[in-house]
Amino acid sequence: IITITASLEKTEDTDNLIVEVQDDSQAFSEAYKTKVFEQFANRENVD
C-alpha cells in the first residue's frame, strides 16, 4: 500500500509544492537513509 499526497505549503517568501510518497514497510535505519541518495549506493546491507 503506497500513499502519495501533494499540497502547497505557504511560507513568508514563497509557496512550496510538497509531495510525499509513503510506504508501509519496516522503517529504514539511519545509516541507510543517509546513503540512499548517494550515487551507486551499496545495496548489500540487510536493511
PDB file of all heavy atoms in Angstrom:
ATOM      1  N   ILE A   1       0.862  -1.178   0.000  1.00  0.00           N
ATOM      2  CA  ILE A   1       0.000   0.000   0.000  1.00  0.00           C
ATOM      3  C   ILE A   1       0.898   1.228   0.000  1.00  0.00           C
ATOM      4  O   ILE A   1       1.709   1.421   0.901  1.00  0.00           O
ATOM      5  CB  ILE A   1      -0.943   0.027   1.227  1.00  0.00           C
ATOM      6  CG1 ILE A   1      -1.875  -1.174   1.210  1.00  0.00           C
ATOM      7  CG2 ILE A   1      -1.734   1.340   1.243  1.00  0.00           C
ATOM      8  CD1 ILE A   1      -2.761  -1.264   2.430  1.00  0.00           C
ATOM      9  N   ILE A   2       0.753   2.034  -1.022  1.00  0.00           N
ATOM     10  CA  ILE A   2       1.557   3.251  -1.161  1.00  0.00           C
ATOM     11  C   ILE A   2       0.596   4.432  -1.235  1.00  0.00           C
ATOM     12  O   ILE A   2      -0.387   4.391  -1.977  1.00  0.00           O
ATOM     13  CB  ILE A   2       2.427   3.206  -2.426  1.00  0.00           C
ATOM     14  CG1 ILE A   2       3.373   2.005  -2.381  1.00  0.00           C
ATOM     15  CG2 ILE A   2       3.214   4.497  -2.593  1.00  0.00           C
ATOM     16  CD1 ILE A   2       4.079   1.747  -3.685  1.00  0.00           C
ATOM     17  N   THR A   3       0.890   5.447  -0.478  1.00  0.00           N
ATOM     18  CA  THR A   3       0.065   6.653  -0.484  1.00  0.00           C
ATOM     19  C   THR A   3       0.900   7.818  -0.986  1.00  0.00           C
ATOM     20  O   THR A   3       2.007   8.054  -0.492  1.00  0.00           O
ATOM     21  CB  THR A   3      -0.464   6.970   0.926  1.00  0.00           C
ATOM     22  OG1 THR A   3      -1.186   5.839   1.428  1.00  0.00           O
ATOM     23  CG2 THR A   3      -1.372   8.184   0.886  1.00  0.00           C
ATOM     24  N   ILE A   4       0.358   8.541  -1.978  1.00  0.00           N
ATOM     25  CA  ILE A   4       1.050   9.716  -2.478  1.00  0.00           C
ATOM     26  C   ILE A   4       0.159  10.934  -2.278  1.00  0.00           C
ATOM     27  O   ILE A   4      -1.028  10.928  -2.615  1.00  0.00           O
ATOM     28  CB  ILE A   4       1.447   9.556  -3.967  1.00  0.00           C
ATOM     29  CG1 ILE A   4       2.153  10.830  -4.460  1.00  0.00           C
ATOM     30  CG2 ILE A   4       0.259   9.204  -4.852  1.00  0.00           C
ATOM     31  CD1 ILE A   4       2.840  10.664  -5.806  1.00  0.00           C
ATOM     32  N   THR A   5       0.731  11.971  -1.692  1.00  0.00           N
ATOM     33  CA  THR A   5      -0.009  13.210  -1.414  1.00  0.00           C
ATOM     34  C   THR A   5       0.760  14.390  -2.006  1.00  0.00           C
ATOM     35  O   THR A   5       1.980  14.329  -2.195  1.00  0.00           O
ATOM     36  CB  THR A   5      -0.192  13.432   0.092  1.00  0.00           C
ATOM     37  OG1 THR A   5       1.105  13.601   0.708  1.00  0.00           O
ATOM     38  CG2 THR A   5      -0.901  12.251   0.731  1.00  0.00           C
ATOM     39  N   ALA A   6       0.027  15.464  -2.285  1.00  0.00           N
ATOM     40  CA  ALA A   6       0.653  16.690  -2.772  1.00  0.00           C
ATOM     41  C   ALA A   6      -0.151  17.879  -2.267  1.00  0.00           C
ATOM     42  O   ALA A   6      -1.381  17.835  -2.222  1.00  0.00           O
ATOM     43  CB  ALA A   6       0.711  16.703  -4.299  1.00  0.00           C
ATOM     44  N   SER A   7       0.551  18.931  -1.881  1.00  0.00           N
ATOM     45  CA  SER A   7      -0.114  20.126  -1.359  1.00  0.00           C
ATOM     46  C   SER A   7       0.839  21.306  -1.463  1.00  0.00           C
ATOM     47  O   SER A   7       2.045  21.134  -1.683  1.00  0.00           O
ATOM     48  CB  SER A   7      -0.542  19.918   0.095  1.00  0.00           C
ATOM     49  OG  SER A   7       0.601  19.657   0.907  1.00  0.00           O
ATOM     50  N   LEU A   8       0.295  22.494  -1.304  1.00  0.00           N
ATOM     51  CA  LEU A   8       1.105  23.707  -1.273  1.00  0.00           C
ATOM     52  C   LEU A   8       1.343  24.120   0.171  1.00  0.00           C
ATOM     53  O   LEU A   8       0.423  24.153   0.980  1.00  0.00           O
ATOM     54  CB  LEU A   8       0.414  24.846  -2.024  1.00  0.00           C
ATOM     55  CG  LEU A   8       0.466  24.817  -3.549  1.00  0.00           C
ATOM     56  CD1 LEU A   8      -0.223  26.053  -4.122  1.00  0.00           C
ATOM     57  CD2 LEU A   8       1.896  24.742  -4.053  1.00  0.00           C
ATOM     58  N   GLU A   9       2.571  24.411   0.465  1.00  0.00           N
ATOM     59  CA  GLU A   9       2.955  24.874   1.801  1.00  0.00           C
ATOM     60  C   GLU A   9       3.385  26.329   1.678  1.00  0.00           C
ATOM     61  O   GLU A   9       4.405  26.624   1.037  1.00  0.00           O
ATOM     62  CB  GLU A   9       4.088  24.019   2.362  1.00  0.00           C
ATOM     63  CG  GLU A   9       4.510  24.368   3.770  1.00  0.00           C
ATOM     64  CD  GLU A   9       5.659  23.504   4.236  1.00  0.00           C
ATOM     65  OE1 GLU A   9       6.819  23.800   3.848  1.00  0.00           O
ATOM     66  OE2 GLU A   9       5.411  22.522   4.950  1.00  0.00           O
ATOM     67  N   LYS A  10       2.640  27.227   2.261  1.00  0.00           N
ATOM     68  CA  LYS A  10       2.920  28.654   2.133  1.00  0.00           C
ATOM     69  C   LYS A  10       3.924  29.097   3.195  1.00  0.00           C
ATOM     70  O   LYS A  10       3.815  28.739   4.364  1.00  0.00           O
ATOM     71  CB  LYS A  10       1.629  29.460   2.257  1.00  0.00           C
ATOM     72  CG  LYS A  10       0.632  29.204   1.137  1.00  0.00           C
ATOM     73  CD  LYS A  10      -0.588  30.101   1.271  1.00  0.00           C
ATOM     74  CE  LYS A  10      -1.574  29.863   0.139  1.00  0.00           C
ATOM     75  NZ  LYS A  10      -0.973  30.273  -1.160  1.00  0.00           N
ATOM     76  N   THR A  11       4.908  29.878   2.756  1.00  0.00           N
ATOM     77  CA  THR A  11       5.870  30.489   3.673  1.00  0.00           C
ATOM     78  C   THR A  11       5.880  31.992   3.419  1.00  0.00           C
ATOM     79  O   THR A  11       5.170  32.500   2.540  1.00  0.00           O
ATOM     80  CB  THR A  11       7.285  29.914   3.450  1.00  0.00           C
ATOM     81  OG1 THR A  11       7.735  30.288   2.135  1.00  0.00           O
ATOM     82  CG2 THR A  11       7.273  28.397   3.564  1.00  0.00           C
ATOM     83  N   GLU A  12       6.698  32.707   4.181  1.00  0.00           N
ATOM     84  CA  GLU A  12       6.758  34.160   4.008  1.00  0.00           C
ATOM     85  C   GLU A  12       7.307  34.541   2.635  1.00  0.00           C
ATOM     86  O   GLU A  12       6.911  35.548   2.049  1.00  0.00           O
ATOM     87  CB  GLU A  12       7.630  34.782   5.109  1.00  0.00           C
ATOM     88  CG  GLU A  12       7.040  34.659   6.505  1.00  0.00           C
ATOM     89  CD  GLU A  12       7.915  35.341   7.535  1.00  0.00           C
ATOM     90  OE1 GLU A  12       8.960  35.911   7.135  1.00  0.00           O
ATOM     91  OE2 GLU A  12       7.563  35.312   8.734  1.00  0.00           O
ATOM     92  N   ASP A  13       8.238  33.720   2.109  1.00  0.00           N
ATOM     93  CA  ASP A  13       8.922  34.074   0.864  1.00  0.00           C
ATOM     94  C   ASP A  13       8.287  33.463  -0.371  1.00  0.00           C
ATOM     95  O   ASP A  13       8.284  34.075  -1.434  1.00  0.00           O
ATOM     96  CB  ASP A  13      10.396  33.637   0.945  1.00  0.00           C
ATOM     97  CG  ASP A  13      11.119  34.311   2.090  1.00  0.00           C
ATOM     98  OD1 ASP A  13      10.811  35.482   2.377  1.00  0.00           O
ATOM     99  OD2 ASP A  13      11.981  33.660   2.704  1.00  0.00           O
ATOM    100  N   THR A  14       7.751  32.255  -0.252  1.00  0.00           N
ATOM    101  CA  THR A  14       7.276  31.553  -1.441  1.00  0.00           C
ATOM    102  C   THR A  14       6.279  30.466  -1.068  1.00  0.00           C
ATOM    103  O   THR A  14       6.069  30.171   0.115  1.00  0.00           O
ATOM    104  CB  THR A  14       8.469  30.929  -2.197  1.00  0.00           C
ATOM    105  OG1 THR A  14       8.005  30.357  -3.413  1.00  0.00           O
ATOM    106  CG2 THR A  14       9.127  29.843  -1.350  1.00  0.00           C
ATOM    107  N   ASP A  15       5.667  29.888  -2.087  1.00  0.00           N
ATOM    108  CA  ASP A  15       4.822  28.705  -1.903  1.00  0.00           C
ATOM    109  C   ASP A  15       5.606  27.485  -2.357  1.00  0.00           C
ATOM    110  O   ASP A  15       6.163  27.467  -3.464  1.00  0.00           O
ATOM    111  CB  ASP A  15       3.543  28.829  -2.736  1.00  0.00           C
ATOM    112  CG  ASP A  15       2.630  29.935  -2.221  1.00  0.00           C
ATOM    113  OD1 ASP A  15       2.793  30.336  -1.060  1.00  0.00           O
ATOM    114  OD2 ASP A  15       1.775  30.395  -2.994  1.00  0.00           O
ATOM    115  N   ASN A  16       5.669  26.463  -1.514  1.00  0.00           N
ATOM    116  CA  ASN A  16       6.403  25.246  -1.835  1.00  0.00           C
ATOM    117  C   ASN A  16       5.432  24.114  -2.162  1.00  0.00           C
ATOM    118  O   ASN A  16       4.439  23.912  -1.449  1.00  0.00           O
ATOM    119  CB  ASN A  16       7.293  24.821  -0.668  1.00  0.00           C
ATOM    120  CG  ASN A  16       8.399  25.832  -0.398  1.00  0.00           C
ATOM    121  OD1 ASN A  16       8.967  26.387  -1.338  1.00  0.00           O
ATOM    122  ND2 ASN A  16       8.695  26.062   0.865  1.00  0.00           N
ATOM    123  N   LEU A  17       5.750  23.386  -3.235  1.00  0.00           N
ATOM    124  CA  LEU A  17       4.999  22.181  -3.533  1.00  0.00           C
ATOM    125  C   LEU A  17       5.591  21.038  -2.720  1.00  0.00           C
ATOM    126  O   LEU A  17       6.780  20.739  -2.830  1.00  0.00           O
ATOM    127  CB  LEU A  17       5.059  21.843  -5.021  1.00  0.00           C
ATOM    128  CG  LEU A  17       4.405  20.529  -5.437  1.00  0.00           C
ATOM    129  CD1 LEU A  17       2.893  20.575  -5.209  1.00  0.00           C
ATOM    130  CD2 LEU A  17       4.716  20.181  -6.891  1.00  0.00           C
ATOM    131  N   ILE A  18       4.759  20.400  -1.894  1.00  0.00           N
ATOM    132  CA  ILE A  18       5.199  19.278  -1.067  1.00  0.00           C
ATOM    133  C   ILE A  18       4.569  18.001  -1.613  1.00  0.00           C
ATOM    134  O   ILE A  18       3.345  17.884  -1.669  1.00  0.00           O
ATOM    135  CB  ILE A  18       4.805  19.459   0.414  1.00  0.00           C
ATOM    136  CG1 ILE A  18       5.293  20.824   0.934  1.00  0.00           C
ATOM    137  CG2 ILE A  18       5.350  18.313   1.248  1.00  0.00           C
ATOM    138  CD1 ILE A  18       6.788  21.001   0.914  1.00  0.00           C
ATOM    139  N   VAL A  19       5.410  17.068  -2.042  1.00  0.00           N
ATOM    140  CA  VAL A  19       4.943  15.759  -2.500  1.00  0.00           C
ATOM    141  C   VAL A  19       5.531  14.708  -1.574  1.00  0.00           C
ATOM    142  O   VAL A  19       6.752  14.674  -1.357  1.00  0.00           O
ATOM    143  CB  VAL A  19       5.364  15.481  -3.956  1.00  0.00           C
ATOM    144  CG1 VAL A  19       4.934  14.076  -4.372  1.00  0.00           C
ATOM    145  CG2 VAL A  19       4.770  16.520  -4.902  1.00  0.00           C
ATOM    146  N   GLU A  20       4.666  13.862  -1.025  1.00  0.00           N
ATOM    147  CA  GLU A  20       5.116  12.792  -0.134  1.00  0.00           C
ATOM    148  C   GLU A  20       4.646  11.446  -0.668  1.00  0.00           C
ATOM    149  O   GLU A  20       3.485  11.299  -1.069  1.00  0.00           O
ATOM    150  CB  GLU A  20       4.585  12.994   1.285  1.00  0.00           C
ATOM    151  CG  GLU A  20       5.190  14.215   1.986  1.00  0.00           C
ATOM    152  CD  GLU A  20       4.804  14.291   3.454  1.00  0.00           C
ATOM    153  OE1 GLU A  20       3.838  13.608   3.847  1.00  0.00           O
ATOM    154  OE2 GLU A  20       5.470  15.029   4.200  1.00  0.00           O
ATOM    155  N   VAL A  21       5.568  10.483  -0.681  1.00  0.00           N
ATOM    156  CA  VAL A  21       5.255   9.113  -1.072  1.00  0.00           C
ATOM    157  C   VAL A  21       5.532   8.230   0.141  1.00  0.00           C
ATOM    158  O   VAL A  21       6.673   8.119   0.588  1.00  0.00           O
ATOM    159  CB  VAL A  21       6.096   8.669  -2.283  1.00  0.00           C
ATOM    160  CG1 VAL A  21       5.797   7.208  -2.628  1.00  0.00           C
ATOM    161  CG2 VAL A  21       5.829   9.572  -3.486  1.00  0.00           C
ATOM    162  N   GLN A  22       4.467   7.603   0.656  1.00  0.00           N
ATOM    163  CA  GLN A  22       4.573   6.826   1.897  1.00  0.00           C
ATOM    164  C   GLN A  22       4.383   5.339   1.595  1.00  0.00           C
ATOM    165  O   GLN A  22       3.481   4.959   0.851  1.00  0.00           O
ATOM    166  CB  GLN A  22       3.515   7.277   2.898  1.00  0.00           C
ATOM    167  CG  GLN A  22       3.543   8.775   3.180  1.00  0.00           C
ATOM    168  CD  GLN A  22       2.458   9.187   4.150  1.00  0.00           C
ATOM    169  OE1 GLN A  22       1.997   8.386   4.970  1.00  0.00           O
ATOM    170  NE2 GLN A  22       2.031  10.437   4.063  1.00  0.00           N
ATOM    171  N   ASP A  23       5.245   4.520   2.195  1.00  0.00           N
ATOM    172  CA  ASP A  23       5.057   3.072   2.107  1.00  0.00           C
ATOM    173  C   ASP A  23       4.772   2.524   3.494  1.00  0.00           C
ATOM    174  O   ASP A  23       4.826   3.258   4.486  1.00  0.00           O
ATOM    175  CB  ASP A  23       6.286   2.394   1.474  1.00  0.00           C
ATOM    176  CG  ASP A  23       7.544   2.571   2.306  1.00  0.00           C
ATOM    177  OD1 ASP A  23       7.549   2.151   3.474  1.00  0.00           O
ATOM    178  OD2 ASP A  23       8.546   3.121   1.790  1.00  0.00           O
ATOM    179  N   ASP A  24       4.452   1.228   3.575  1.00  0.00           N
ATOM    180  CA  ASP A  24       4.110   0.630   4.865  1.00  0.00           C
ATOM    181  C   ASP A  24       5.123  -0.431   5.282  1.00  0.00           C
ATOM    182  O   ASP A  24       4.796  -1.379   5.983  1.00  0.00           O
ATOM    183  CB  ASP A  24       2.707   0.015   4.812  1.00  0.00           C
ATOM    184  CG  ASP A  24       2.548  -0.933   3.638  1.00  0.00           C
ATOM    185  OD1 ASP A  24       3.580  -1.266   3.001  1.00  0.00           O
ATOM    186  OD2 ASP A  24       1.419  -1.348   3.362  1.00  0.00           O
ATOM    187  N   SER A  25       6.369  -0.270   4.831  1.00  0.00           N
ATOM    188  CA  SER A  25       7.390  -1.263   5.145  1.00  0.00           C
ATOM    189  C   SER A  25       8.003  -0.998   6.514  1.00  0.00           C
ATOM    190  O   SER A  25       7.652  -0.035   7.197  1.00  0.00           O
ATOM    191  CB  SER A  25       8.498  -1.226   4.086  1.00  0.00           C
ATOM    192  OG  SER A  25       9.229  -0.014   4.204  1.00  0.00           O
ATOM    193  N   GLN A  26       8.953  -1.839   6.849  1.00  0.00           N
ATOM    194  CA  GLN A  26       9.698  -1.636   8.091  1.00  0.00           C
ATOM    195  C   GLN A  26      10.558  -0.382   7.955  1.00  0.00           C
ATOM    196  O   GLN A  26      11.109  -0.102   6.894  1.00  0.00           O
ATOM    197  CB  GLN A  26      10.586  -2.849   8.372  1.00  0.00           C
ATOM    198  CG  GLN A  26      11.372  -2.753   9.675  1.00  0.00           C
ATOM    199  CD  GLN A  26      12.180  -4.008   9.934  1.00  0.00           C
ATOM    200  OE1 GLN A  26      12.113  -4.967   9.163  1.00  0.00           O
ATOM    201  NE2 GLN A  26      12.952  -4.000  10.995  1.00  0.00           N
ATOM    202  N   ALA A  27      10.680   0.372   9.012  1.00  0.00           N
ATOM    203  CA  ALA A  27      11.426   1.633   8.964  1.00  0.00           C
ATOM    204  C   ALA A  27      12.895   1.384   8.635  1.00  0.00           C
ATOM    205  O   ALA A  27      13.522   0.453   9.155  1.00  0.00           O
ATOM    206  CB  ALA A  27      11.311   2.356  10.307  1.00  0.00           C
ATOM    207  N   PHE A  28      13.426   2.212   7.758  1.00  0.00           N
ATOM    208  CA  PHE A  28      14.836   2.097   7.386  1.00  0.00           C
ATOM    209  C   PHE A  28      15.721   2.610   8.513  1.00  0.00           C
ATOM    210  O   PHE A  28      15.324   3.479   9.294  1.00  0.00           O
ATOM    211  CB  PHE A  28      15.130   2.898   6.119  1.00  0.00           C
ATOM    212  CG  PHE A  28      14.484   2.346   4.882  1.00  0.00           C
ATOM    213  CD1 PHE A  28      13.752   3.167   4.043  1.00  0.00           C
ATOM    214  CD2 PHE A  28      14.610   1.008   4.559  1.00  0.00           C
ATOM    215  CE1 PHE A  28      13.166   2.676   2.900  1.00  0.00           C
ATOM    216  CE2 PHE A  28      14.023   0.506   3.421  1.00  0.00           C
ATOM    217  CZ  PHE A  28      13.292   1.331   2.587  1.00  0.00           C
ATOM    218  N   SER A  29      16.943   2.086   8.543  1.00  0.00           N
ATOM    219  CA  SER A  29      17.898   2.540   9.551  1.00  0.00           C
ATOM    220  C   SER A  29      18.428   3.919   9.179  1.00  0.00           C
ATOM    221  O   SER A  29      18.345   4.366   8.032  1.00  0.00           O
ATOM    222  CB  SER A  29      19.068   1.556   9.634  1.00  0.00           C
ATOM    223  OG  SER A  29      19.853   1.624   8.453  1.00  0.00           O
ATOM    224  N   GLU A  30      18.995   4.596  10.169  1.00  0.00           N
ATOM    225  CA  GLU A  30      19.573   5.918   9.915  1.00  0.00           C
ATOM    226  C   GLU A  30      20.724   5.829   8.922  1.00  0.00           C
ATOM    227  O   GLU A  30      20.923   6.711   8.088  1.00  0.00           O
ATOM    228  CB  GLU A  30      20.056   6.536  11.235  1.00  0.00           C
ATOM    229  CG  GLU A  30      18.940   6.911  12.189  1.00  0.00           C
ATOM    230  CD  GLU A  30      17.998   7.945  11.593  1.00  0.00           C
ATOM    231  OE1 GLU A  30      18.488   8.851  10.882  1.00  0.00           O
ATOM    232  OE2 GLU A  30      16.773   7.854  11.837  1.00  0.00           O
ATOM    233  N   ALA A  31      21.503   4.733   9.004  1.00  0.00           N
ATOM    234  CA  ALA A  31      22.636   4.560   8.093  1.00  0.00           C
ATOM    235  C   ALA A  31      22.165   4.476   6.645  1.00  0.00           C
ATOM    236  O   ALA A  31      22.762   5.047   5.737  1.00  0.00           O
ATOM    237  CB  ALA A  31      23.421   3.295   8.463  1.00  0.00           C
ATOM    238  N   TYR A  32      21.061   3.766   6.436  1.00  0.00           N
ATOM    239  CA  TYR A  32      20.541   3.626   5.088  1.00  0.00           C
ATOM    240  C   TYR A  32      19.982   4.950   4.564  1.00  0.00           C
ATOM    241  O   TYR A  32      20.192   5.321   3.404  1.00  0.00           O
ATOM    242  CB  TYR A  32      19.449   2.561   5.062  1.00  0.00           C
ATOM    243  CG  TYR A  32      18.804   2.426   3.701  1.00  0.00           C
ATOM    244  CD1 TYR A  32      19.537   1.980   2.617  1.00  0.00           C
ATOM    245  CD2 TYR A  32      17.466   2.760   3.504  1.00  0.00           C
ATOM    246  CE1 TYR A  32      18.968   1.859   1.372  1.00  0.00           C
ATOM    247  CE2 TYR A  32      16.884   2.649   2.256  1.00  0.00           C
ATOM    248  CZ  TYR A  32      17.639   2.189   1.194  1.00  0.00           C
ATOM    249  OH  TYR A  32      17.070   2.085  -0.038  1.00  0.00           O
ATOM    250  N   LYS A  33      19.302   5.685   5.429  1.00  0.00           N
ATOM    251  CA  LYS A  33      18.680   6.941   4.997  1.00  0.00           C
ATOM    252  C   LYS A  33      19.727   7.973   4.576  1.00  0.00           C
ATOM    253  O   LYS A  33      19.452   8.816   3.726  1.00  0.00           O
ATOM    254  CB  LYS A  33      17.790   7.494   6.115  1.00  0.00           C
ATOM    255  CG  LYS A  33      16.506   6.689   6.316  1.00  0.00           C
ATOM    256  CD  LYS A  33      15.554   7.375   7.277  1.00  0.00           C
ATOM    257  CE  LYS A  33      16.094   7.381   8.681  1.00  0.00           C
ATOM    258  NZ  LYS A  33      15.134   7.964   9.639  1.00  0.00           N
ATOM    259  N   THR A  34      20.911   7.899   5.156  1.00  0.00           N
ATOM    260  CA  THR A  34      21.961   8.837   4.757  1.00  0.00           C
ATOM    261  C   THR A  34      22.659   8.401   3.482  1.00  0.00           C
ATOM    262  O   THR A  34      23.301   9.209   2.823  1.00  0.00           O
ATOM    263  CB  THR A  34      23.017   8.961   5.879  1.00  0.00           C
ATOM    264  OG1 THR A  34      23.585   7.668   6.147  1.00  0.00           O
ATOM    265  CG2 THR A  34      22.394   9.509   7.145  1.00  0.00           C
ATOM    266  N   LYS A  35      22.523   7.120   3.110  1.00  0.00           N
ATOM    267  CA  LYS A  35      23.237   6.598   1.950  1.00  0.00           C
ATOM    268  C   LYS A  35      22.361   6.456   0.719  1.00  0.00           C
ATOM    269  O   LYS A  35      22.856   6.417  -0.417  1.00  0.00           O
ATOM    270  CB  LYS A  35      23.846   5.235   2.296  1.00  0.00           C
ATOM    271  CG  LYS A  35      24.578   4.556   1.153  1.00  0.00           C
ATOM    272  CD  LYS A  35      25.216   3.257   1.571  1.00  0.00           C
ATOM    273  CE  LYS A  35      26.491   3.507   2.337  1.00  0.00           C
ATOM    274  NZ  LYS A  35      27.273   2.278   2.529  1.00  0.00           N
ATOM    275  N   VAL A  36      21.044   6.427   0.892  1.00  0.00           N
ATOM    276  CA  VAL A  36      20.152   6.029  -0.187  1.00  0.00           C
ATOM    277  C   VAL A  36      20.220   6.953  -1.401  1.00  0.00           C
ATOM    278  O   VAL A  36      20.000   6.519  -2.525  1.00  0.00           O
ATOM    279  CB  VAL A  36      18.699   5.932   0.337  1.00  0.00           C
ATOM    280  CG1 VAL A  36      18.164   7.299   0.692  1.00  0.00           C
ATOM    281  CG2 VAL A  36      17.805   5.242  -0.666  1.00  0.00           C
ATOM    282  N   PHE A  37      20.559   8.229  -1.202  1.00  0.00           N
ATOM    283  CA  PHE A  37      20.611   9.167  -2.321  1.00  0.00           C
ATOM    284  C   PHE A  37      22.006   9.283  -2.933  1.00  0.00           C
ATOM    285  O   PHE A  37      22.215  10.092  -3.829  1.00  0.00           O
ATOM    286  CB  PHE A  37      20.142  10.557  -1.884  1.00  0.00           C
ATOM    287  CG  PHE A  37      18.682  10.607  -1.519  1.00  0.00           C
ATOM    288  CD1 PHE A  37      18.291  10.723  -0.201  1.00  0.00           C
ATOM    289  CD2 PHE A  37      17.705  10.529  -2.504  1.00  0.00           C
ATOM    290  CE1 PHE A  37      16.943  10.773   0.137  1.00  0.00           C
ATOM    291  CE2 PHE A  37      16.360  10.571  -2.174  1.00  0.00           C
ATOM    292  CZ  PHE A  37      15.976  10.687  -0.853  1.00  0.00           C
ATOM    293  N   GLU A  38      22.944   8.483  -2.446  1.00  0.00           N
ATOM    294  CA  GLU A  38      24.291   8.532  -2.989  1.00  0.00           C
ATOM    295  C   GLU A  38      24.343   7.806  -4.326  1.00  0.00           C
ATOM    296  O   GLU A  38      23.556   6.908  -4.600  1.00  0.00           O
ATOM    297  CB  GLU A  38      25.297   7.895  -2.031  1.00  0.00           C
ATOM    298  CG  GLU A  38      25.476   8.673  -0.730  1.00  0.00           C
ATOM    299  CD  GLU A  38      26.461   8.003   0.201  1.00  0.00           C
ATOM    300  OE1 GLU A  38      27.043   6.976  -0.211  1.00  0.00           O
ATOM    301  OE2 GLU A  38      26.646   8.487   1.321  1.00  0.00           O
ATOM    302  N   GLN A  39      25.319   8.190  -5.128  1.00  0.00           N
ATOM    303  CA  GLN A  39      25.493   7.534  -6.418  1.00  0.00           C
ATOM    304  C   GLN A  39      25.998   6.107  -6.198  1.00  0.00           C
ATOM    305  O   GLN A  39      26.915   5.867  -5.423  1.00  0.00           O
ATOM    306  CB  GLN A  39      26.498   8.305  -7.273  1.00  0.00           C
ATOM    307  CG  GLN A  39      26.598   7.792  -8.705  1.00  0.00           C
ATOM    308  CD  GLN A  39      27.495   8.693  -9.539  1.00  0.00           C
ATOM    309  OE1 GLN A  39      28.041   9.662  -9.049  1.00  0.00           O
ATOM    310  NE2 GLN A  39      27.631   8.361 -10.802  1.00  0.00           N
ATOM    311  N   PHE A  40      25.382   5.147  -6.902  1.00  0.00           N
ATOM    312  CA  PHE A  40      25.741   3.736  -6.793  1.00  0.00           C
ATOM    313  C   PHE A  40      25.755   3.276  -5.338  1.00  0.00           C
ATOM    314  O   PHE A  40      26.714   2.722  -4.824  1.00  0.00           O
ATOM    315  CB  PHE A  40      27.111   3.460  -7.428  1.00  0.00           C
ATOM    316  CG  PHE A  40      27.182   3.867  -8.857  1.00  0.00           C
ATOM    317  CD1 PHE A  40      27.933   4.965  -9.245  1.00  0.00           C
ATOM    318  CD2 PHE A  40      26.469   3.186  -9.817  1.00  0.00           C
ATOM    319  CE1 PHE A  40      27.985   5.362 -10.563  1.00  0.00           C
ATOM    320  CE2 PHE A  40      26.515   3.579 -11.144  1.00  0.00           C
ATOM    321  CZ  PHE A  40      27.273   4.661 -11.518  1.00  0.00           C
ATOM    322  N   ALA A  41      24.660   3.564  -4.654  1.00  0.00           N
ATOM    323  CA  ALA A  41      24.562   3.193  -3.241  1.00  0.00           C
ATOM    324  C   ALA A  41      24.703   1.695  -3.059  1.00  0.00           C
ATOM    325  O   ALA A  41      24.246   0.901  -3.861  1.00  0.00           O
ATOM    326  CB  ALA A  41      23.219   3.658  -2.677  1.00  0.00           C
ATOM    327  N   ASN A  42      25.343   1.311  -1.966  1.00  0.00           N
ATOM    328  CA  ASN A  42      25.554  -0.104  -1.665  1.00  0.00           C
ATOM    329  C   ASN A  42      24.255  -0.735  -1.203  1.00  0.00           C
ATOM    330  O   ASN A  42      23.688  -0.353  -0.190  1.00  0.00           O
ATOM    331  CB  ASN A  42      26.635  -0.218  -0.581  1.00  0.00           C
ATOM    332  CG  ASN A  42      26.818  -1.648  -0.106  1.00  0.00           C
ATOM    333  OD1 ASN A  42      26.441  -2.586  -0.801  1.00  0.00           O
ATOM    334  ND2 ASN A  42      27.404  -1.804   1.059  1.00  0.00           N
ATOM    335  N   ARG A  43      23.781  -1.711  -1.928  1.00  0.00           N
ATOM    336  CA  ARG A  43      22.516  -2.363  -1.593  1.00  0.00           C
ATOM    337  C   ARG A  43      22.720  -3.694  -0.855  1.00  0.00           C
ATOM    338  O   ARG A  43      21.783  -4.456  -0.694  1.00  0.00           O
ATOM    339  CB  ARG A  43      21.735  -2.654  -2.882  1.00  0.00           C
ATOM    340  CG  ARG A  43      21.481  -1.424  -3.727  1.00  0.00           C
ATOM    341  CD  ARG A  43      20.500  -0.503  -3.057  1.00  0.00           C
ATOM    342  NE  ARG A  43      20.270   0.690  -3.856  1.00  0.00           N
ATOM    343  CZ  ARG A  43      19.587   1.719  -3.463  1.00  0.00           C
ATOM    344  NH1 ARG A  43      19.060   1.751  -2.270  1.00  0.00           N
ATOM    345  NH2 ARG A  43      19.433   2.768  -4.244  1.00  0.00           N
ATOM    346  N   GLU A  44      23.956  -3.993  -0.425  1.00  0.00           N
ATOM    347  CA  GLU A  44      24.212  -5.294   0.174  1.00  0.00           C
ATOM    348  C   GLU A  44      23.811  -5.345   1.634  1.00  0.00           C
ATOM    349  O   GLU A  44      23.693  -6.407   2.225  1.00  0.00           O
ATOM    350  CB  GLU A  44      25.696  -5.637   0.026  1.00  0.00           C
ATOM    351  CG  GLU A  44      26.105  -5.810  -1.447  1.00  0.00           C
ATOM    352  CD  GLU A  44      27.589  -6.111  -1.583  1.00  0.00           C
ATOM    353  OE1 GLU A  44      28.263  -6.155  -0.533  1.00  0.00           O
ATOM    354  OE2 GLU A  44      28.051  -6.310  -2.704  1.00  0.00           O
ATOM    355  N   ASN A  45      23.607  -4.200   2.248  1.00  0.00           N
ATOM    356  CA  ASN A  45      23.218  -4.180   3.654  1.00  0.00           C
ATOM    357  C   ASN A  45      21.855  -4.856   3.821  1.00  0.00           C
ATOM    358  O   ASN A  45      20.969  -4.736   2.984  1.00  0.00           O
ATOM    359  CB  ASN A  45      23.151  -2.728   4.138  1.00  0.00           C
ATOM    360  CG  ASN A  45      23.144  -2.637   5.645  1.00  0.00           C
ATOM    361  OD1 ASN A  45      22.289  -3.223   6.283  1.00  0.00           O
ATOM    362  ND2 ASN A  45      24.094  -1.903   6.183  1.00  0.00           N
ATOM    363  N   VAL A  46      21.675  -5.579   4.917  1.00  0.00           N
ATOM    364  CA  VAL A  46      20.464  -6.388   5.099  1.00  0.00           C
ATOM    365  C   VAL A  46      19.195  -5.551   5.146  1.00  0.00           C
ATOM    366  O   VAL A  46      18.113  -6.047   4.836  1.00  0.00           O
ATOM    367  CB  VAL A  46      20.562  -7.227   6.401  1.00  0.00           C
ATOM    368  CG1 VAL A  46      21.638  -8.267   6.258  1.00  0.00           C
ATOM    369  CG2 VAL A  46      20.834  -6.329   7.608  1.00  0.00           C
ATOM    370  N   ASP A  47      19.280  -4.275   5.543  1.00  0.00           N
ATOM    371  CA  ASP A  47      18.063  -3.495   5.634  1.00  0.00           C
ATOM    372  C   ASP A  47      17.799  -2.692   4.367  1.00  0.00           C
ATOM    373  O   ASP A  47      16.976  -1.804   4.342  1.00  0.00           O
ATOM    374  CB  ASP A  47      18.102  -2.558   6.845  1.00  0.00           C
ATOM    375  CG  ASP A  47      19.136  -1.457   6.674  1.00  0.00           C
ATOM    376  OD1 ASP A  47      19.982  -1.580   5.774  1.00  0.00           O
ATOM    377  OD2 ASP A  47      19.068  -0.482   7.437  1.00  0.00           O
TER     378      ASP A  47
END
